[in-house]
Amino acid sequence: MMADILVAEDMAEILYVYEQALLSAGHRVVTATNGAEANDHLDRARFDLVVTDLLMPKVDGMQVAHHAHMLDKPPKLLAITGGGERISPYAALKMGEAFFDASLIKPVSQDVLLTTVNMLLDKAQ
């Protein structure tokens, strides 16, 4: 099933890998390099799924999830994090688990990413 997916990730090389994996699986992909950009995209278009890093400058993944939950038709939400200087990836995911439909810890292989995306999109049916 082809889906409209928004990917928010502040590390360019990781964003590129996720984008290419999702495109190769036949999805339409829009990218954002930070949470503010992601929220702008959410205001302008409808997405089936949002894949977001949790820890980003300016606006983080939790704020993107909150923004998405306010929409008329909220997308499925996948959090991906490697943690940060002051927080472990496990603690970051624990904080956000109520907001997200699924979560993964970096590094994420393309297989795991696509399997998780397919599971979420199947649930959205």
C-alpha atoms as a PDB file:
ATOM      1  CA  MET A   1       0.000   0.000   0.000  1.00  0.00           C
ATOM      2  CA  MET A   2       1.405   3.377  -0.992  1.00  0.00           C
ATOM      3  CA  ALA A   3       1.213   5.991   1.734  1.00  0.00           C
ATOM      4  CA  ASP A   4       2.005   9.667   2.268  1.00  0.00           C
ATOM      5  CA  ILE A   5       4.781   9.806   4.835  1.00  0.00           C
ATOM      6  CA  LEU A   6       6.411  12.795   6.534  1.00  0.00           C
ATOM      7  CA  VAL A   7       9.929  12.193   7.856  1.00  0.00           C
ATOM      8  CA  ALA A   8      11.410  14.675  10.358  1.00  0.00           C
ATOM      9  CA  GLU A   9      15.097  14.183  11.174  1.00  0.00           C
ATOM     10  CA  ASP A  10      17.791  16.793  11.820  1.00  0.00           C
ATOM     11  CA  MET A  11      20.749  14.618  10.721  1.00  0.00           C
ATOM     12  CA  ALA A  12      20.908  14.883   6.915  1.00  0.00           C
ATOM     13  CA  GLU A  13      22.502  11.495   6.262  1.00  0.00           C
ATOM     14  CA  ILE A  14      19.919   9.645   8.385  1.00  0.00           C
ATOM     15  CA  LEU A  15      17.075  11.610   6.784  1.00  0.00           C
ATOM     16  CA  TYR A  16      18.382  10.591   3.353  1.00  0.00           C
ATOM     17  CA  VAL A  17      18.570   6.883   4.285  1.00  0.00           C
ATOM     18  CA  TYR A  18      15.002   6.862   5.655  1.00  0.00           C
ATOM     19  CA  GLU A  19      13.709   8.795   2.633  1.00  0.00           C
ATOM     20  CA  GLN A  20      15.364   6.429   0.131  1.00  0.00           C
ATOM     21  CA  ALA A  21      14.115   3.312   1.951  1.00  0.00           C
ATOM     22  CA  LEU A  22      10.544   4.611   1.998  1.00  0.00           C
ATOM     23  CA  LEU A  23      10.664   5.786  -1.635  1.00  0.00           C
ATOM     24  CA  SER A  24      12.025   2.400  -2.755  1.00  0.00           C
ATOM     25  CA  ALA A  25       9.071   0.764  -0.970  1.00  0.00           C
ATOM     26  CA  GLY A  26       6.719   2.867  -3.129  1.00  0.00           C
ATOM     27  CA  HIS A  27       5.664   5.549  -0.648  1.00  0.00           C
ATOM     28  CA  ARG A  28       5.365   9.289  -1.268  1.00  0.00           C
ATOM     29  CA  VAL A  29       7.786  11.024   1.094  1.00  0.00           C
ATOM     30  CA  VAL A  30       8.060  14.606   2.329  1.00  0.00           C
ATOM     31  CA  THR A  31      11.062  15.480   4.490  1.00  0.00           C
ATOM     32  CA  ALA A  32      11.644  18.036   7.236  1.00  0.00           C
ATOM     33  CA  THR A  33      14.993  18.857   8.816  1.00  0.00           C
ATOM     34  CA  ASN A  34      13.429  19.964  12.112  1.00  0.00           C
ATOM     35  CA  GLY A  35      10.167  19.876  14.020  1.00  0.00           C
ATOM     36  CA  ALA A  36       9.068  23.377  13.028  1.00  0.00           C
ATOM     37  CA  GLU A  37       9.326  22.414   9.352  1.00  0.00           C
ATOM     38  CA  ALA A  38       7.436  19.173  10.099  1.00  0.00           C
ATOM     39  CA  ASN A  39       4.602  21.088  11.756  1.00  0.00           C
ATOM     40  CA  ASP A  40       4.394  23.413   8.722  1.00  0.00           C
ATOM     41  CA  HIS A  41       4.023  20.358   6.461  1.00  0.00           C
ATOM     42  CA  LEU A  42       1.342  18.925   8.774  1.00  0.00           C
ATOM     43  CA  ASP A  43      -0.614  22.179   8.453  1.00  0.00           C
ATOM     44  CA  ARG A  44      -0.454  22.097   4.649  1.00  0.00           C
ATOM     45  CA  ALA A  45      -0.994  18.419   3.748  1.00  0.00           C
ATOM     46  CA  ARG A  46      -2.460  15.195   5.077  1.00  0.00           C
ATOM     47  CA  PHE A  47      -0.117  12.326   5.918  1.00  0.00           C
ATOM     48  CA  ASP A  48      -0.799   8.673   6.713  1.00  0.00           C
ATOM     49  CA  LEU A  49       2.323   8.424   8.854  1.00  0.00           C
ATOM     50  CA  VAL A  50       4.856  10.714  10.504  1.00  0.00           C
ATOM     51  CA  VAL A  51       8.316   9.312  11.237  1.00  0.00           C
ATOM     52  CA  THR A  52      10.099  11.700  13.601  1.00  0.00           C
ATOM     53  CA  ASP A  53      13.305  11.910  15.528  1.00  0.00           C
ATOM     54  CA  LEU A  54      12.556  12.757  19.151  1.00  0.00           C
ATOM     55  CA  LEU A  55      15.462  15.083  19.874  1.00  0.00           C
ATOM     56  CA  MET A  56      15.743  17.936  17.373  1.00  0.00           C
ATOM     57  CA  PRO A  57      16.617  21.614  17.735  1.00  0.00           C
ATOM     58  CA  LYS A  58      13.872  24.271  18.019  1.00  0.00           C
ATOM     59  CA  VAL A  59      10.845  21.974  17.910  1.00  0.00           C
ATOM     60  CA  ASP A  60      11.301  18.356  19.026  1.00  0.00           C
ATOM     61  CA  GLY A  61       9.496  15.146  18.109  1.00  0.00           C
ATOM     62  CA  MET A  62       7.191  15.359  21.117  1.00  0.00           C
ATOM     63  CA  GLN A  63       5.972  18.752  19.889  1.00  0.00           C
ATOM     64  CA  VAL A  64       5.482  17.322  16.387  1.00  0.00           C
ATOM     65  CA  ALA A  65       3.421  14.465  17.880  1.00  0.00           C
ATOM     66  CA  HIS A  66       1.348  16.909  19.915  1.00  0.00           C
ATOM     67  CA  HIS A  67       0.736  19.006  16.791  1.00  0.00           C
ATOM     68  CA  ALA A  68      -0.276  15.893  14.809  1.00  0.00           C
ATOM     69  CA  HIS A  69      -2.735  14.815  17.521  1.00  0.00           C
ATOM     70  CA  MET A  70      -4.565  18.151  17.122  1.00  0.00           C
ATOM     71  CA  LEU A  71      -5.366  17.497  13.453  1.00  0.00           C
ATOM     72  CA  ASP A  72      -8.818  16.375  12.270  1.00  0.00           C
ATOM     73  CA  LYS A  73      -7.350  13.121  10.961  1.00  0.00           C
ATOM     74  CA  PRO A  74      -4.161  12.469  12.934  1.00  0.00           C
ATOM     75  CA  PRO A  75      -1.528  10.367  11.169  1.00  0.00           C
ATOM     76  CA  LYS A  76       0.095   7.311  12.705  1.00  0.00           C
ATOM     77  CA  LEU A  77       3.260   8.343  14.576  1.00  0.00           C
ATOM     78  CA  LEU A  78       6.623   6.578  14.679  1.00  0.00           C
ATOM     79  CA  ALA A  79       9.333   7.923  16.983  1.00  0.00           C
ATOM     80  CA  ILE A  80      12.977   7.124  16.301  1.00  0.00           C
ATOM     81  CA  THR A  81      15.690   8.244  18.682  1.00  0.00           C
ATOM     82  CA  GLY A  82      19.284   7.687  19.560  1.00  0.00           C
ATOM     83  CA  GLY A  83      18.933   9.651  22.769  1.00  0.00           C
ATOM     84  CA  GLY A  84      21.111  12.660  23.395  1.00  0.00           C
ATOM     85  CA  GLU A  85      23.695  14.182  25.680  1.00  0.00           C
ATOM     86  CA  ARG A  86      21.390  14.316  28.687  1.00  0.00           C
ATOM     87  CA  ILE A  87      18.929  11.499  28.034  1.00  0.00           C
ATOM     88  CA  SER A  88      19.153   7.846  27.056  1.00  0.00           C
ATOM     89  CA  PRO A  89      17.116   6.618  24.082  1.00  0.00           C
ATOM     90  CA  TYR A  90      15.084   4.435  26.468  1.00  0.00           C
ATOM     91  CA  ALA A  91      14.205   7.375  28.713  1.00  0.00           C
ATOM     92  CA  ALA A  92      13.312   9.497  25.676  1.00  0.00           C
ATOM     93  CA  LEU A  93      10.978   6.800  24.351  1.00  0.00           C
ATOM     94  CA  LYS A  94       9.426   6.234  27.791  1.00  0.00           C
ATOM     95  CA  MET A  95       8.531   9.940  27.953  1.00  0.00           C
ATOM     96  CA  GLY A  96       6.846   9.818  24.560  1.00  0.00           C
ATOM     97  CA  GLU A  97       5.236   6.404  24.544  1.00  0.00           C
ATOM     98  CA  ALA A  98       1.717   7.759  25.110  1.00  0.00           C
ATOM     99  CA  PHE A  99       2.065  10.001  22.041  1.00  0.00           C
ATOM    100  CA  PHE A 100       3.441   7.475  19.540  1.00  0.00           C
ATOM    101  CA  ASP A 101       2.021   4.369  17.867  1.00  0.00           C
ATOM    102  CA  ALA A 102       5.487   2.786  17.703  1.00  0.00           C
ATOM    103  CA  SER A 103       9.083   3.649  18.511  1.00  0.00           C
ATOM    104  CA  LEU A 104      12.547   2.518  17.442  1.00  0.00           C
ATOM    105  CA  ILE A 105      16.044   3.136  18.760  1.00  0.00           C
ATOM    106  CA  LYS A 106      18.832   4.244  16.395  1.00  0.00           C
ATOM    107  CA  PRO A 107      20.551   2.853  14.494  1.00  0.00           C
ATOM    108  CA  VAL A 108      17.539   1.514  12.566  1.00  0.00           C
ATOM    109  CA  SER A 109      18.072  -0.837   9.620  1.00  0.00           C
ATOM    110  CA  GLN A 110      16.014  -0.304   6.473  1.00  0.00           C
ATOM    111  CA  ASP A 111      14.347  -3.702   7.050  1.00  0.00           C
ATOM    112  CA  VAL A 112      13.231  -2.779  10.568  1.00  0.00           C
ATOM    113  CA  LEU A 113      12.074   0.659   9.405  1.00  0.00           C
ATOM    114  CA  LEU A 114       9.982  -0.788   6.563  1.00  0.00           C
ATOM    115  CA  THR A 115       8.551  -3.605   8.698  1.00  0.00           C
ATOM    116  CA  THR A 116       7.467  -1.096  11.364  1.00  0.00           C
ATOM    117  CA  VAL A 117       6.040   1.314   8.766  1.00  0.00           C
ATOM    118  CA  ASN A 118       4.052  -1.505   7.130  1.00  0.00           C
ATOM    119  CA  MET A 119       2.698  -2.631  10.508  1.00  0.00           C
ATOM    120  CA  LEU A 120       1.525   0.913  11.325  1.00  0.00           C
ATOM    121  CA  LEU A 121      -0.035   1.428   7.904  1.00  0.00           C
ATOM    122  CA  ASP A 122      -1.855  -1.918   8.151  1.00  0.00           C
ATOM    123  CA  LYS A 123      -3.315  -0.805  11.499  1.00  0.00           C
ATOM    124  CA  ALA A 124      -4.434   2.476   9.909  1.00  0.00           C
ATOM    125  CA  GLN A 125      -6.648   0.632   7.410  1.00  0.00           C
END
